C-alpha atoms as a PDB file:
ATOM      1  CA  MET A   1      30.788  18.086  18.204  1.00  0.00           C
ATOM      2  CA  TYR A   2      28.605  16.341  15.533  1.00  0.00           C
ATOM      3  CA  SER A   3      27.503  13.278  15.800  1.00  0.00           C
ATOM      4  CA  THR A   4      24.481  11.299  14.348  1.00  0.00           C
ATOM      5  CA  ASP A   5      24.795   9.270  17.674  1.00  0.00           C
ATOM      6  CA  THR A   6      23.699  11.561  20.278  1.00  0.00           C
ATOM      7  CA  SER A   7      25.341   9.453  22.891  1.00  0.00           C
ATOM      8  CA  LYS A   8      28.807  10.065  21.301  1.00  0.00           C
ATOM      9  CA  ALA A   9      28.226  13.996  21.078  1.00  0.00           C
ATOM     10  CA  LYS A  10      30.054  15.261  24.080  1.00  0.00           C
ATOM     11  CA  TYR A  11      29.892  19.161  23.265  1.00  0.00           C
ATOM     12  CA  ALA A  12      27.671  21.867  22.330  1.00  0.00           C
ATOM     13  CA  VAL A  13      29.082  24.477  20.528  1.00  0.00           C
ATOM     14  CA  ASN A  14      27.884  27.712  19.221  1.00  0.00           C
ATOM     15  CA  PHE A  15      29.711  29.459  16.243  1.00  0.00           C
ATOM     16  CA  SER A  16      29.589  33.303  15.496  1.00  0.00           C
ATOM     17  CA  TYR A  17      30.357  35.097  12.634  1.00  0.00           C
ATOM     18  CA  VAL A  18      33.624  36.865  12.538  1.00  0.00           C
ATOM     19  CA  GLY A  19      33.884  38.088   9.320  1.00  0.00           C
ATOM     20  CA  GLU A  20      35.594  36.767   5.756  1.00  0.00           C
ATOM     21  CA  GLY A  21      38.942  35.867   6.381  1.00  0.00           C
ATOM     22  CA  ARG A  22      38.964  36.044  10.371  1.00  0.00           C
ATOM     23  CA  GLY A  23      37.727  32.612  11.261  1.00  0.00           C
ATOM     24  CA  ASN A  24      38.836  29.113  10.717  1.00  0.00           C
ATOM     25  CA  TYR A  25      35.540  27.535  10.205  1.00  0.00           C
ATOM     26  CA  LEU A  26      33.013  27.542   7.383  1.00  0.00           C
ATOM     27  CA  PRO A  27      29.460  26.097   7.392  1.00  0.00           C
ATOM     28  CA  ALA A  28      29.340  22.838   5.868  1.00  0.00           C
ATOM     29  CA  ASN A  29      26.556  22.120   3.163  1.00  0.00           C
ATOM     30  CA  THR A  30      24.862  18.919   4.718  1.00  0.00           C
ATOM     31  CA  THR A  31      21.333  18.068   5.450  1.00  0.00           C
ATOM     32  CA  ALA A  32      22.015  17.435   9.016  1.00  0.00           C
ATOM     33  CA  ASN A  33      19.289  18.534  11.677  1.00  0.00           C
ATOM     34  CA  GLY A  34      21.070  21.645  12.576  1.00  0.00           C
ATOM     35  CA  ARG A  35      24.125  23.814  11.589  1.00  0.00           C
ATOM     36  CA  VAL A  36      27.337  22.050  10.773  1.00  0.00           C
ATOM     37  CA  TYR A  37      30.733  23.697  10.635  1.00  0.00           C
ATOM     38  CA  ASN A  38      33.869  22.368   8.857  1.00  0.00           C
ATOM     39  CA  TRP A  39      37.435  23.475   9.817  1.00  0.00           C
ATOM     40  CA  VAL A  40      39.231  25.019   7.165  1.00  0.00           C
ATOM     41  CA  ALA A  41      43.259  25.127   7.424  1.00  0.00           C
ATOM     42  CA  PRO A  42      44.782  28.516   7.425  1.00  0.00           C
ATOM     43  CA  TYR A  43      47.030  29.794   4.913  1.00  0.00           C
ATOM     44  CA  TYR A  44      50.481  30.319   5.899  1.00  0.00           C
ATOM     45  CA  ASN A  45      52.242  33.155   4.146  1.00  0.00           C
ATOM     46  CA  VAL A  46      56.217  32.101   3.787  1.00  0.00           C
ATOM     47  CA  ASP A  47      57.207  35.741   2.791  1.00  0.00           C
ATOM     48  CA  SER A  48      55.812  37.475   5.994  1.00  0.00           C
ATOM     49  CA  GLY A  49      55.743  34.310   8.032  1.00  0.00           C
ATOM     50  CA  THR A  50      52.248  34.832   9.130  1.00  0.00           C
ATOM     51  CA  VAL A  51      49.047  32.776   9.234  1.00  0.00           C
ATOM     52  CA  ILE A  52      45.794  34.060   7.384  1.00  0.00           C
ATOM     53  CA  PRO A  53      42.401  32.236   8.404  1.00  0.00           C
ATOM     54  CA  GLN A  54      40.690  31.371   5.398  1.00  0.00           C
ATOM     55  CA  GLY A  55      37.173  30.765   7.195  1.00  0.00           C
ATOM     56  CA  SER A  56      34.348  33.022   8.700  1.00  0.00           C
ATOM     57  CA  TYR A  57      32.973  31.619  11.961  1.00  0.00           C
ATOM     58  CA  GLU A  58      34.797  30.852  15.128  1.00  0.00           C
ATOM     59  CA  PRO A  59      33.544  28.863  18.100  1.00  0.00           C
ATOM     60  CA  VAL A  60      33.140  31.883  20.168  1.00  0.00           C
ATOM     61  CA  ILE A  61      30.157  33.982  21.786  1.00  0.00           C
ATOM     62  CA  PHE A  62      30.397  37.728  21.725  1.00  0.00           C
ATOM     63  CA  LEU A  63      29.553  39.467  24.830  1.00  0.00           C
ATOM     64  CA  VAL A  64      27.800  42.615  24.980  1.00  0.00           C
ATOM     65  CA  THR A  65      29.400  45.784  26.074  1.00  0.00           C
ATOM     66  CA  PRO A  66      27.923  48.177  28.252  1.00  0.00           C
ATOM     67  CA  LYS A  67      27.098  51.388  25.981  1.00  0.00           C
ATOM     68  CA  TYR A  68      26.757  54.965  27.059  1.00  0.00           C
ATOM     69  CA  GLN A  69      25.397  57.672  24.662  1.00  0.00           C
ATOM     70  CA  GLN A  70      24.515  61.385  25.535  1.00  0.00           C
ATOM     71  CA  LEU A  71      23.493  64.040  23.006  1.00  0.00           C
ATOM     72  CA  TYR A  72      22.881  67.742  23.604  1.00  0.00           C
ATOM     73  CA  SER A  73      21.923  70.088  20.966  1.00  0.00           C
ATOM     74  CA  LEU A  74      20.781  73.893  20.634  1.00  0.00           C
ATOM     75  CA  GLY A  75      19.365  75.549  18.029  1.00  0.00           C
ATOM     76  CA  GLY A  76      17.183  78.436  17.039  1.00  0.00           C
ATOM     77  CA  ASP A  77      16.017  80.790  14.242  1.00  0.00           C
ATOM     78  CA  VAL A  78      16.561  84.798  13.785  1.00  0.00           C
ATOM     79  CA  ARG A  79      13.549  86.242  11.942  1.00  0.00           C
ATOM     80  CA  ILE A  80      15.542  89.175  10.077  1.00  0.00           C
ATOM     81  CA  ASP A  81      12.472  90.644   8.768  1.00  0.00           C
ATOM     82  CA  LYS A  82       9.169  88.940   7.130  1.00  0.00           C
ATOM     83  CA  ASN A  83      10.875  87.675   4.057  1.00  0.00           C
ATOM     84  CA  ASN A  84      13.968  86.412   5.373  1.00  0.00           C
ATOM     85  CA  THR A  85      15.055  83.876   8.398  1.00  0.00           C
ATOM     86  CA  LEU A  86      18.352  82.595   9.748  1.00  0.00           C
ATOM     87  CA  THR A  87      18.803  79.258  11.184  1.00  0.00           C
ATOM     88  CA  THR A  88      21.627  77.759  13.539  1.00  0.00           C
ATOM     89  CA  GLU A  89      22.113  74.927  15.469  1.00  0.00           C
ATOM     90  CA  VAL A  90      24.992  73.190  17.301  1.00  0.00           C
ATOM     91  CA  ALA A  91      25.252  69.613  18.792  1.00  0.00           C
ATOM     92  CA  MET A  92      27.745  67.678  21.232  1.00  0.00           C
ATOM     93  CA  SER A  93      27.601  63.935  21.401  1.00  0.00           C
ATOM     94  CA  ASN A  94      29.304  61.629  23.798  1.00  0.00           C
ATOM     95  CA  TYR A  95      29.222  58.027  22.575  1.00  0.00           C
ATOM     96  CA  ASP A  96      31.243  55.275  24.643  1.00  0.00           C
ATOM     97  CA  GLN A  97      31.013  51.721  22.960  1.00  0.00           C
ATOM     98  CA  ASN A  98      32.599  50.234  26.027  1.00  0.00           C
ATOM     99  CA  MET A  99      32.341  51.748  29.154  1.00  0.00           C
ATOM    100  CA  TYR A 100      34.531  49.207  30.854  1.00  0.00           C
ATOM    101  CA  SER A 101      37.337  50.029  28.627  1.00  0.00           C
ATOM    102  CA  SER A 102      39.200  53.448  28.499  1.00  0.00           C
ATOM    103  CA  LYS A 103      40.790  52.284  25.194  1.00  0.00           C
ATOM    104  CA  ASP A 104      39.851  55.176  22.317  1.00  0.00           C
ATOM    105  CA  ASN A 105      38.125  57.366  25.104  1.00  0.00           C
ATOM    106  CA  LYS A 106      39.509  60.368  23.358  1.00  0.00           C
ATOM    107  CA  THR A 107      37.240  59.504  20.351  1.00  0.00           C
ATOM    108  CA  ASN A 108      33.991  59.631  22.505  1.00  0.00           C
ATOM    109  CA  ILE A 109      33.047  62.994  22.000  1.00  0.00           C
ATOM    110  CA  GLY A 110      31.889  64.641  18.643  1.00  0.00           C
ATOM    111  CA  PHE A 111      30.858  68.009  17.569  1.00  0.00           C
ATOM    112  CA  ALA A 112      28.380  69.403  14.799  1.00  0.00           C
ATOM    113  CA  ALA A 113      27.199  72.859  13.704  1.00  0.00           C
ATOM    114  CA  ARG A 114      24.552  73.785  10.985  1.00  0.00           C
ATOM    115  CA  ALA A 115      23.675  77.095   9.823  1.00  0.00           C
ATOM    116  CA  GLY A 116      21.065  78.228   7.058  1.00  0.00           C
ATOM    117  CA  TYR A 117      19.168  81.227   5.328  1.00  0.00           C
ATOM    118  CA  ASN A 118      16.031  80.947   4.017  1.00  0.00           C
ATOM    119  CA  GLY A 119      14.836  84.100   2.234  1.00  0.00           C
ATOM    120  CA  THR A 120      12.660  85.951  -0.185  1.00  0.00           C
ATOM    121  CA  VAL A 121      14.128  88.309  -2.778  1.00  0.00           C
ATOM    122  CA  VAL A 122      12.347  90.746  -4.373  1.00  0.00           C
ATOM    123  CA  THR A 123      13.345  90.318  -8.189  1.00  0.00           C
ATOM    124  CA  LYS A 124      10.489  92.523 -10.302  1.00  0.00           C
ATOM    125  CA  ALA A 125       7.504  94.539 -10.243  1.00  0.00           C
ATOM    126  CA  ASP A 126       4.781  94.236 -12.718  1.00  0.00           C
ATOM    127  CA  THR A 127       2.575  97.070 -13.822  1.00  0.00           C
ATOM    128  CA  GLY A 128      -0.414  95.446 -11.868  1.00  0.00           C
ATOM    129  CA  GLY A 129       1.412  96.177  -8.459  1.00  0.00           C
ATOM    130  CA  ARG A 130       2.274  92.264  -8.175  1.00  0.00           C
ATOM    131  CA  ILE A 131       5.703  91.507  -7.225  1.00  0.00           C
ATOM    132  CA  ALA A 132       7.436  88.326  -8.632  1.00  0.00           C
ATOM    133  CA  GLN A 133       9.416  86.871  -5.962  1.00  0.00           C
ATOM    134  CA  SER A 134      12.012  84.032  -5.744  1.00  0.00           C
ATOM    135  CA  VAL A 135      12.957  82.063  -2.743  1.00  0.00           C
ATOM    136  CA  LEU A 136      16.754  81.485  -1.821  1.00  0.00           C
ATOM    137  CA  THR A 137      17.298  78.571   0.573  1.00  0.00           C
ATOM    138  CA  ILE A 138      20.921  77.590   1.644  1.00  0.00           C
END
């Protein structure tokens, strides 16, 4: 707790940002050495009977959860002829934001696919034997 007298300051408290409207403290505008936070009274919604915090900080320390991430991908190019190529790729990811919790484990796995075509199409031949070409890429 804040005090200019170090013998009266009994606790050292750490505050963390929890998002606008999710906490009960706001940083104070002060010239004190260090950050000072003021408690802000929450708003009581009479209609719904809920308490709505008005600050953005709380005296909490967030724990970093162990995460798990895997990525598998497979891709290839097929050259149809000297002017045309087909490209494909598929991927699967497995990302667990909290290995200690089984909550939302159904959303850990994701899939993706991509296909493309890159080709040159002959559009016109002129009298000099040269060929005008346009490139088509999808």
